[in-house]
Amino acid sequence: MYTKLDNLILEIASMIESGTIKVGALGLSQDSANFVREYNSSRSDLAEPIETEREITKLTALYYKIVSLDHHKNGDVIWSINKIWYYGDEPKYRVEHYGYIFKDVEEEFDSYEKAEKFLSKMVKEAISEQKGWAKEVLKTPRDWDKTDNKVAKKIIKLLK
């Protein structure tokens, strides 16, 4: 499990490596930069959870763009992972989504990382469903109204 400090250090290390932030900028000394690099390399377990979080953020943003092309309810664009303690047991992590367009999701996991991976999978499935719908509309455009055809074309364009 990673902490907010781990996340911050990983972000700074990434910025140093990419050249986004330079030693001397924002008071970052060479010693501090070396510490960040060293800490980051010693915590290789941090990269995967942060990458999963970034992936989920990108996926939910894409899904929001897709469902916003026509109409949606607030629940369609809310995806969550909640931490729950039952009767003094170790916490569980529940993935939840209560949408109008995509099915309701309520699944529990023993680790946050497993919950994140499942959430990523669910958002990908929701996007895939929308793509399937769009392909179906474009296959038989006369069976659908103008708005559906327009939305379907935009979905396919977004997903290219």
N, C-alpha and C. Protein backbone atom coordinates (compact mmCIF):
# COMPACT_ATOMS: atom_id res chain seq x y z
N MET A 1 0.85 -1.18 0.00
CA MET A 1 0.00 0.00 0.00
C MET A 1 0.89 1.24 0.00
N TYR A 2 0.53 2.22 -0.75
CA TYR A 2 1.31 3.43 -0.81
C TYR A 2 0.61 4.56 -0.09
N THR A 3 1.37 5.53 0.36
CA THR A 3 0.83 6.67 1.08
C THR A 3 0.82 7.89 0.18
N LYS A 4 0.22 8.97 0.66
CA LYS A 4 0.22 10.22 -0.10
C LYS A 4 1.64 10.72 -0.29
N LEU A 5 2.49 10.51 0.72
CA LEU A 5 3.89 10.92 0.60
C LEU A 5 4.58 10.12 -0.50
N ASP A 6 4.34 8.81 -0.53
CA ASP A 6 4.91 7.97 -1.60
C ASP A 6 4.46 8.49 -2.96
N ASN A 7 3.19 8.81 -3.07
CA ASN A 7 2.63 9.30 -4.32
C ASN A 7 3.32 10.61 -4.73
N LEU A 8 3.48 11.53 -3.76
CA LEU A 8 4.14 12.80 -4.04
C LEU A 8 5.58 12.58 -4.49
N ILE A 9 6.30 11.72 -3.79
CA ILE A 9 7.69 11.46 -4.15
C ILE A 9 7.78 10.84 -5.55
N LEU A 10 6.87 9.94 -5.87
CA LEU A 10 6.87 9.34 -7.20
C LEU A 10 6.60 10.40 -8.27
N GLU A 11 5.67 11.30 -7.99
CA GLU A 11 5.37 12.37 -8.94
C GLU A 11 6.59 13.28 -9.15
N ILE A 12 7.25 13.65 -8.05
CA ILE A 12 8.43 14.51 -8.16
C ILE A 12 9.54 13.80 -8.93
N ALA A 13 9.74 12.52 -8.62
CA ALA A 13 10.77 11.75 -9.33
C ALA A 13 10.48 11.71 -10.82
N SER A 14 9.23 11.52 -11.16
CA SER A 14 8.83 11.49 -12.57
C SER A 14 9.11 12.84 -13.24
N MET A 15 8.83 13.91 -12.52
CA MET A 15 9.06 15.25 -13.06
C MET A 15 10.56 15.53 -13.22
N ILE A 16 11.37 15.05 -12.29
CA ILE A 16 12.82 15.23 -12.39
C ILE A 16 13.34 14.47 -13.60
N GLU A 17 12.91 13.19 -13.73
CA GLU A 17 13.39 12.35 -14.83
C GLU A 17 12.97 12.89 -16.19
N SER A 18 11.78 13.45 -16.27
CA SER A 18 11.29 13.95 -17.55
C SER A 18 11.82 15.35 -17.87
N GLY A 19 12.43 15.99 -16.87
CA GLY A 19 12.94 17.34 -17.09
C GLY A 19 11.92 18.43 -16.85
N THR A 20 10.71 18.05 -16.41
CA THR A 20 9.66 19.02 -16.13
C THR A 20 10.07 19.95 -15.00
N ILE A 21 10.79 19.39 -14.04
CA ILE A 21 11.29 20.18 -12.91
C ILE A 21 12.80 20.00 -12.85
N LYS A 22 13.50 21.08 -12.68
CA LYS A 22 14.96 21.05 -12.66
C LYS A 22 15.47 21.26 -11.24
N VAL A 23 16.64 20.71 -10.98
CA VAL A 23 17.29 20.95 -9.70
C VAL A 23 17.50 22.45 -9.59
N GLY A 24 17.16 23.01 -8.46
CA GLY A 24 17.25 24.45 -8.25
C GLY A 24 15.89 25.12 -8.37
N ALA A 25 14.98 24.51 -9.14
CA ALA A 25 13.63 25.05 -9.29
C ALA A 25 12.84 24.77 -8.03
N LEU A 26 12.04 25.72 -7.64
CA LEU A 26 11.18 25.56 -6.47
C LEU A 26 11.97 25.15 -5.22
N GLY A 27 13.23 25.53 -5.16
CA GLY A 27 14.06 25.22 -3.99
C GLY A 27 14.51 23.78 -3.92
N LEU A 28 14.46 23.05 -5.02
CA LEU A 28 14.86 21.64 -5.04
C LEU A 28 16.37 21.55 -5.14
N SER A 29 17.00 21.15 -4.05
CA SER A 29 18.46 21.03 -4.04
C SER A 29 18.89 19.72 -4.69
N GLN A 30 20.16 19.62 -5.02
CA GLN A 30 20.69 18.38 -5.59
C GLN A 30 20.52 17.24 -4.61
N ASP A 31 20.75 17.51 -3.31
CA ASP A 31 20.57 16.47 -2.29
C ASP A 31 19.12 15.98 -2.26
N SER A 32 18.18 16.92 -2.36
CA SER A 32 16.76 16.53 -2.36
C SER A 32 16.43 15.71 -3.60
N ALA A 33 16.95 16.13 -4.74
CA ALA A 33 16.71 15.40 -5.99
C ALA A 33 17.28 13.98 -5.88
N ASN A 34 18.48 13.87 -5.33
CA ASN A 34 19.09 12.55 -5.16
C ASN A 34 18.26 11.68 -4.22
N PHE A 35 17.77 12.28 -3.12
CA PHE A 35 16.93 11.54 -2.18
C PHE A 35 15.68 11.02 -2.87
N VAL A 36 15.03 11.88 -3.65
CA VAL A 36 13.80 11.50 -4.35
C VAL A 36 14.07 10.35 -5.32
N ARG A 37 15.16 10.46 -6.09
CA ARG A 37 15.51 9.39 -7.03
C ARG A 37 15.77 8.07 -6.31
N GLU A 38 16.54 8.17 -5.21
CA GLU A 38 16.90 6.98 -4.45
C GLU A 38 15.66 6.34 -3.82
N TYR A 39 14.82 7.17 -3.20
CA TYR A 39 13.60 6.67 -2.57
C TYR A 39 12.68 6.03 -3.60
N ASN A 40 12.55 6.70 -4.72
CA ASN A 40 11.69 6.20 -5.79
C ASN A 40 12.17 4.85 -6.30
N SER A 41 13.47 4.71 -6.52
CA SER A 41 13.98 3.44 -7.04
C SER A 41 13.89 2.32 -6.01
N SER A 42 13.87 2.67 -4.72
CA SER A 42 13.76 1.64 -3.69
C SER A 42 12.31 1.20 -3.49
N ARG A 43 11.36 1.93 -4.06
CA ARG A 43 9.94 1.62 -3.87
C ARG A 43 9.28 1.31 -5.21
N SER A 44 9.77 0.29 -5.88
CA SER A 44 9.22 -0.06 -7.20
C SER A 44 7.76 -0.51 -7.10
N ASP A 45 7.31 -0.83 -5.89
CA ASP A 45 5.93 -1.24 -5.70
C ASP A 45 4.96 -0.07 -5.87
N LEU A 46 5.46 1.15 -5.93
CA LEU A 46 4.58 2.31 -6.03
C LEU A 46 4.05 2.55 -7.43
N ALA A 47 4.82 2.18 -8.42
CA ALA A 47 4.48 2.55 -9.79
C ALA A 47 3.15 1.97 -10.26
N GLU A 48 2.89 0.72 -9.99
CA GLU A 48 1.68 0.09 -10.51
C GLU A 48 0.40 0.72 -9.98
N PRO A 49 0.25 0.93 -8.65
CA PRO A 49 -1.00 1.55 -8.18
C PRO A 49 -1.22 2.94 -8.75
N ILE A 50 -0.16 3.73 -8.88
CA ILE A 50 -0.32 5.07 -9.40
C ILE A 50 -0.67 5.02 -10.89
N GLU A 51 -0.05 4.12 -11.62
CA GLU A 51 -0.39 3.97 -13.04
C GLU A 51 -1.84 3.52 -13.20
N THR A 52 -2.30 2.62 -12.33
CA THR A 52 -3.70 2.18 -12.39
C THR A 52 -4.63 3.35 -12.13
N GLU A 53 -4.28 4.18 -11.16
CA GLU A 53 -5.11 5.35 -10.86
C GLU A 53 -5.15 6.31 -12.05
N ARG A 54 -4.01 6.54 -12.67
CA ARG A 54 -3.97 7.40 -13.87
C ARG A 54 -4.82 6.81 -14.99
N GLU A 55 -4.72 5.49 -15.16
CA GLU A 55 -5.50 4.83 -16.21
C GLU A 55 -7.00 5.00 -15.94
N ILE A 56 -7.41 4.80 -14.69
CA ILE A 56 -8.82 4.96 -14.34
C ILE A 56 -9.28 6.39 -14.60
N THR A 57 -8.45 7.34 -14.26
CA THR A 57 -8.80 8.75 -14.50
C THR A 57 -9.00 9.01 -15.99
N LYS A 58 -8.11 8.50 -16.81
CA LYS A 58 -8.25 8.68 -18.27
C LYS A 58 -9.50 7.96 -18.79
N LEU A 59 -9.72 6.75 -18.31
CA LEU A 59 -10.88 5.98 -18.77
C LEU A 59 -12.20 6.64 -18.37
N THR A 60 -12.28 7.12 -17.12
CA THR A 60 -13.53 7.75 -16.68
C THR A 60 -13.76 9.07 -17.42
N ALA A 61 -12.67 9.77 -17.75
CA ALA A 61 -12.81 11.00 -18.54
C ALA A 61 -13.34 10.68 -19.94
N LEU A 62 -12.82 9.62 -20.54
CA LEU A 62 -13.29 9.20 -21.87
C LEU A 62 -14.75 8.77 -21.80
N TYR A 63 -15.09 7.99 -20.78
CA TYR A 63 -16.48 7.54 -20.63
C TYR A 63 -17.41 8.74 -20.46
N TYR A 64 -16.97 9.73 -19.68
CA TYR A 64 -17.77 10.94 -19.49
C TYR A 64 -18.02 11.63 -20.83
N LYS A 65 -16.98 11.74 -21.66
CA LYS A 65 -17.14 12.36 -22.98
C LYS A 65 -18.15 11.60 -23.81
N ILE A 66 -18.07 10.28 -23.75
CA ILE A 66 -18.98 9.43 -24.55
C ILE A 66 -20.43 9.62 -24.10
N VAL A 67 -20.69 9.47 -22.80
CA VAL A 67 -22.09 9.53 -22.35
C VAL A 67 -22.64 10.95 -22.38
N SER A 68 -21.76 11.94 -22.42
CA SER A 68 -22.21 13.33 -22.49
C SER A 68 -22.62 13.74 -23.90
N LEU A 69 -22.35 12.90 -24.88
CA LEU A 69 -22.73 13.22 -26.26
C LEU A 69 -24.24 13.25 -26.43
N ASP A 70 -24.95 12.50 -25.63
CA ASP A 70 -26.41 12.49 -25.73
C ASP A 70 -26.98 12.93 -24.39
N HIS A 71 -27.40 12.00 -23.58
CA HIS A 71 -27.91 12.36 -22.26
C HIS A 71 -27.44 11.31 -21.26
N HIS A 72 -27.32 11.73 -20.04
CA HIS A 72 -26.90 10.81 -18.98
C HIS A 72 -27.38 11.35 -17.65
N LYS A 73 -27.32 10.51 -16.64
CA LYS A 73 -27.63 10.90 -15.27
C LYS A 73 -26.31 11.04 -14.52
N ASN A 74 -26.31 11.75 -13.42
CA ASN A 74 -25.08 11.91 -12.64
C ASN A 74 -24.44 10.59 -12.27
N GLY A 75 -25.26 9.60 -11.93
CA GLY A 75 -24.73 8.30 -11.54
C GLY A 75 -23.90 7.63 -12.61
N ASP A 76 -24.15 7.98 -13.87
CA ASP A 76 -23.40 7.38 -14.98
C ASP A 76 -21.93 7.75 -14.95
N VAL A 77 -21.59 8.87 -14.36
CA VAL A 77 -20.21 9.32 -14.39
C VAL A 77 -19.54 9.28 -13.02
N ILE A 78 -20.17 8.60 -12.08
CA ILE A 78 -19.58 8.45 -10.75
C ILE A 78 -19.20 7.00 -10.54
N TRP A 79 -17.91 6.79 -10.31
CA TRP A 79 -17.35 5.48 -10.03
C TRP A 79 -16.59 5.63 -8.72
N SER A 80 -16.72 4.68 -7.80
CA SER A 80 -16.04 4.87 -6.52
C SER A 80 -15.50 3.57 -5.95
N ILE A 81 -14.52 3.75 -5.06
CA ILE A 81 -14.00 2.66 -4.24
C ILE A 81 -14.12 3.14 -2.80
N ASN A 82 -14.89 2.42 -2.02
CA ASN A 82 -15.08 2.76 -0.62
C ASN A 82 -14.40 1.75 0.28
N LYS A 83 -13.83 2.24 1.37
CA LYS A 83 -13.17 1.39 2.36
C LYS A 83 -14.17 1.13 3.49
N ILE A 84 -14.39 -0.15 3.79
CA ILE A 84 -15.42 -0.53 4.75
C ILE A 84 -14.84 -1.47 5.80
N TRP A 85 -15.14 -1.18 7.06
CA TRP A 85 -14.76 -2.09 8.15
C TRP A 85 -16.02 -2.77 8.67
N TYR A 86 -16.00 -4.08 8.70
CA TYR A 86 -17.12 -4.86 9.23
C TYR A 86 -16.73 -5.47 10.57
N TYR A 87 -17.41 -5.10 11.61
CA TYR A 87 -17.30 -5.75 12.93
C TYR A 87 -15.87 -5.98 13.40
N GLY A 88 -14.99 -5.01 13.18
CA GLY A 88 -13.62 -5.13 13.65
C GLY A 88 -12.70 -5.96 12.76
N ASP A 89 -13.21 -6.44 11.64
CA ASP A 89 -12.37 -7.20 10.70
C ASP A 89 -11.48 -6.25 9.90
N GLU A 90 -10.56 -6.83 9.15
CA GLU A 90 -9.73 -6.03 8.24
C GLU A 90 -10.66 -5.35 7.23
N PRO A 91 -10.26 -4.18 6.75
CA PRO A 91 -11.14 -3.46 5.82
C PRO A 91 -11.30 -4.17 4.49
N LYS A 92 -12.43 -3.91 3.87
CA LYS A 92 -12.73 -4.35 2.51
C LYS A 92 -12.84 -3.10 1.65
N TYR A 93 -12.66 -3.29 0.35
CA TYR A 93 -12.73 -2.17 -0.59
C TYR A 93 -13.82 -2.47 -1.59
N ARG A 94 -14.85 -1.64 -1.58
CA ARG A 94 -16.02 -1.88 -2.43
C ARG A 94 -16.01 -0.93 -3.62
N VAL A 95 -16.08 -1.53 -4.80
CA VAL A 95 -16.22 -0.76 -6.05
C VAL A 95 -17.71 -0.58 -6.27
N GLU A 96 -18.10 0.68 -6.52
CA GLU A 96 -19.51 0.97 -6.73
C GLU A 96 -19.72 1.87 -7.94
N HIS A 97 -20.79 1.58 -8.64
CA HIS A 97 -21.26 2.42 -9.75
C HIS A 97 -22.75 2.16 -9.89
N TYR A 98 -23.53 3.22 -9.83
CA TYR A 98 -24.98 3.09 -9.97
C TYR A 98 -25.41 3.99 -11.11
N GLY A 99 -25.38 3.43 -12.31
CA GLY A 99 -25.65 4.24 -13.49
C GLY A 99 -26.97 3.92 -14.16
N TYR A 100 -27.26 4.73 -15.12
CA TYR A 100 -28.46 4.61 -15.93
C TYR A 100 -28.11 3.91 -17.25
N ILE A 101 -26.92 4.21 -17.77
CA ILE A 101 -26.49 3.66 -19.05
C ILE A 101 -25.80 2.31 -18.87
N PHE A 102 -24.84 2.23 -17.96
CA PHE A 102 -24.11 0.99 -17.68
C PHE A 102 -24.70 0.34 -16.44
N LYS A 103 -24.56 -0.95 -16.36
CA LYS A 103 -25.12 -1.71 -15.25
C LYS A 103 -24.60 -1.22 -13.89
N ASP A 104 -25.36 -1.50 -12.84
CA ASP A 104 -24.90 -1.21 -11.49
C ASP A 104 -23.77 -2.16 -11.13
N VAL A 105 -22.80 -1.64 -10.39
CA VAL A 105 -21.65 -2.43 -9.97
C VAL A 105 -21.51 -2.28 -8.46
N GLU A 106 -21.37 -3.40 -7.78
CA GLU A 106 -21.10 -3.39 -6.34
C GLU A 106 -20.33 -4.68 -6.04
N GLU A 107 -19.01 -4.54 -5.90
CA GLU A 107 -18.14 -5.70 -5.72
C GLU A 107 -17.10 -5.37 -4.65
N GLU A 108 -16.83 -6.34 -3.76
CA GLU A 108 -15.86 -6.12 -2.68
C GLU A 108 -14.57 -6.90 -2.88
N PHE A 109 -13.46 -6.29 -2.40
CA PHE A 109 -12.13 -6.87 -2.53
C PHE A 109 -11.36 -6.72 -1.23
N ASP A 110 -10.36 -7.58 -1.06
CA ASP A 110 -9.53 -7.53 0.14
C ASP A 110 -8.43 -6.48 0.06
N SER A 111 -8.13 -5.98 -1.13
CA SER A 111 -7.08 -4.96 -1.26
C SER A 111 -7.55 -3.84 -2.18
N TYR A 112 -7.00 -2.68 -1.93
CA TYR A 112 -7.32 -1.52 -2.74
C TYR A 112 -6.85 -1.73 -4.18
N GLU A 113 -5.68 -2.33 -4.32
CA GLU A 113 -5.13 -2.56 -5.66
C GLU A 113 -6.04 -3.45 -6.50
N LYS A 114 -6.59 -4.51 -5.88
CA LYS A 114 -7.52 -5.39 -6.61
C LYS A 114 -8.79 -4.63 -6.99
N ALA A 115 -9.24 -3.78 -6.08
CA ALA A 115 -10.43 -2.97 -6.36
C ALA A 115 -10.18 -2.03 -7.54
N GLU A 116 -8.99 -1.41 -7.56
CA GLU A 116 -8.64 -0.51 -8.67
C GLU A 116 -8.61 -1.26 -10.00
N LYS A 117 -8.03 -2.43 -10.00
CA LYS A 117 -7.95 -3.20 -11.25
C LYS A 117 -9.35 -3.58 -11.73
N PHE A 118 -10.22 -3.95 -10.81
CA PHE A 118 -11.59 -4.29 -11.17
C PHE A 118 -12.33 -3.06 -11.70
N LEU A 119 -12.14 -1.93 -11.04
CA LEU A 119 -12.78 -0.70 -11.48
C LEU A 119 -12.34 -0.35 -12.90
N SER A 120 -11.05 -0.46 -13.16
CA SER A 120 -10.53 -0.20 -14.50
C SER A 120 -11.21 -1.11 -15.51
N LYS A 121 -11.33 -2.39 -15.16
CA LYS A 121 -11.98 -3.37 -16.04
C LYS A 121 -13.44 -2.99 -16.30
N MET A 122 -14.15 -2.53 -15.27
CA MET A 122 -15.56 -2.16 -15.43
C MET A 122 -15.72 -0.94 -16.33
N VAL A 123 -14.86 0.06 -16.17
CA VAL A 123 -14.97 1.25 -17.01
C VAL A 123 -14.67 0.89 -18.47
N LYS A 124 -13.67 0.03 -18.67
CA LYS A 124 -13.37 -0.45 -20.03
C LYS A 124 -14.58 -1.17 -20.62
N GLU A 125 -15.24 -1.97 -19.80
CA GLU A 125 -16.44 -2.69 -20.27
C GLU A 125 -17.55 -1.70 -20.63
N ALA A 126 -17.71 -0.66 -19.82
CA ALA A 126 -18.74 0.35 -20.11
C ALA A 126 -18.44 1.06 -21.43
N ILE A 127 -17.18 1.38 -21.65
CA ILE A 127 -16.77 2.02 -22.91
C ILE A 127 -17.01 1.07 -24.08
N SER A 128 -16.67 -0.19 -23.89
CA SER A 128 -16.86 -1.20 -24.93
C SER A 128 -18.34 -1.35 -25.29
N GLU A 129 -19.20 -1.31 -24.30
CA GLU A 129 -20.65 -1.39 -24.56
C GLU A 129 -21.11 -0.22 -25.43
N GLN A 130 -20.60 0.97 -25.12
CA GLN A 130 -20.98 2.15 -25.90
C GLN A 130 -20.47 2.04 -27.34
N LYS A 131 -19.26 1.50 -27.48
CA LYS A 131 -18.70 1.29 -28.82
C LYS A 131 -19.55 0.28 -29.59
N GLY A 132 -19.95 -0.79 -28.92
CA GLY A 132 -20.80 -1.79 -29.56
C GLY A 132 -22.12 -1.20 -30.01
N TRP A 133 -22.72 -0.37 -29.15
CA TRP A 133 -23.97 0.29 -29.50
C TRP A 133 -23.77 1.18 -30.74
N ALA A 134 -22.68 1.94 -30.73
CA ALA A 134 -22.41 2.85 -31.85
C ALA A 134 -22.23 2.08 -33.15
N LYS A 135 -21.51 0.97 -33.11
CA LYS A 135 -21.32 0.15 -34.31
C LYS A 135 -22.66 -0.40 -34.82
N GLU A 136 -23.50 -0.82 -33.90
CA GLU A 136 -24.82 -1.35 -34.27
C GLU A 136 -25.65 -0.26 -34.96
N VAL A 137 -25.63 0.95 -34.41
CA VAL A 137 -26.37 2.06 -35.01
C VAL A 137 -25.86 2.34 -36.43
N LEU A 138 -24.54 2.36 -36.59
CA LEU A 138 -23.97 2.68 -37.90
C LEU A 138 -24.14 1.55 -38.91
N LYS A 139 -24.37 0.34 -38.41
CA LYS A 139 -24.61 -0.79 -39.30
C LYS A 139 -26.02 -0.70 -39.92
N THR A 140 -26.95 -0.21 -39.12
CA THR A 140 -28.34 -0.10 -39.58
C THR A 140 -28.87 1.32 -39.30
N PRO A 141 -28.29 2.33 -39.96
CA PRO A 141 -28.62 3.72 -39.63
C PRO A 141 -30.09 4.10 -39.83
N ARG A 142 -30.76 3.44 -40.74
CA ARG A 142 -32.17 3.78 -41.00
C ARG A 142 -33.10 3.34 -39.87
N ASP A 143 -32.61 2.43 -39.03
CA ASP A 143 -33.41 1.96 -37.90
C ASP A 143 -33.33 2.89 -36.69
N TRP A 144 -32.51 3.92 -36.81
CA TRP A 144 -32.25 4.83 -35.69
C TRP A 144 -32.54 6.26 -36.10
N ASP A 145 -32.80 7.12 -35.11
CA ASP A 145 -33.06 8.52 -35.44
C ASP A 145 -31.76 9.28 -35.71
N LYS A 146 -31.89 10.53 -36.17
CA LYS A 146 -30.72 11.34 -36.54
C LYS A 146 -29.78 11.55 -35.36
N THR A 147 -30.33 11.78 -34.19
CA THR A 147 -29.49 12.02 -33.01
C THR A 147 -28.65 10.79 -32.69
N ASP A 148 -29.26 9.61 -32.72
CA ASP A 148 -28.51 8.38 -32.45
C ASP A 148 -27.38 8.19 -33.45
N ASN A 149 -27.67 8.45 -34.73
CA ASN A 149 -26.64 8.32 -35.75
C ASN A 149 -25.49 9.30 -35.53
N LYS A 150 -25.83 10.51 -35.17
CA LYS A 150 -24.83 11.55 -34.92
C LYS A 150 -23.96 11.16 -33.71
N VAL A 151 -24.59 10.73 -32.65
CA VAL A 151 -23.88 10.33 -31.43
C VAL A 151 -22.99 9.12 -31.73
N ALA A 152 -23.51 8.15 -32.45
CA ALA A 152 -22.73 6.94 -32.78
C ALA A 152 -21.47 7.30 -33.55
N LYS A 153 -21.58 8.21 -34.50
CA LYS A 153 -20.40 8.63 -35.28
C LYS A 153 -19.36 9.30 -34.37
N LYS A 154 -19.84 10.13 -33.45
CA LYS A 154 -18.93 10.82 -32.53
C LYS A 154 -18.23 9.82 -31.58
N ILE A 155 -18.96 8.82 -31.15
CA ILE A 155 -18.36 7.80 -30.26
C ILE A 155 -17.24 7.08 -30.99
N ILE A 156 -17.50 6.65 -32.20
CA ILE A 156 -16.49 5.94 -32.98
C ILE A 156 -15.28 6.84 -33.20
N LYS A 157 -15.51 8.10 -33.48
CA LYS A 157 -14.41 9.06 -33.69
C LYS A 157 -13.58 9.22 -32.40
N LEU A 158 -14.26 9.33 -31.27
CA LEU A 158 -13.56 9.45 -29.98
C LEU A 158 -12.69 8.24 -29.67
N LEU A 159 -13.13 7.07 -30.10
CA LEU A 159 -12.44 5.83 -29.74
C LEU A 159 -11.36 5.41 -30.74
N LYS A 160 -11.13 6.21 -31.76
CA LYS A 160 -10.08 5.86 -32.74
C LYS A 160 -8.72 6.18 -32.21
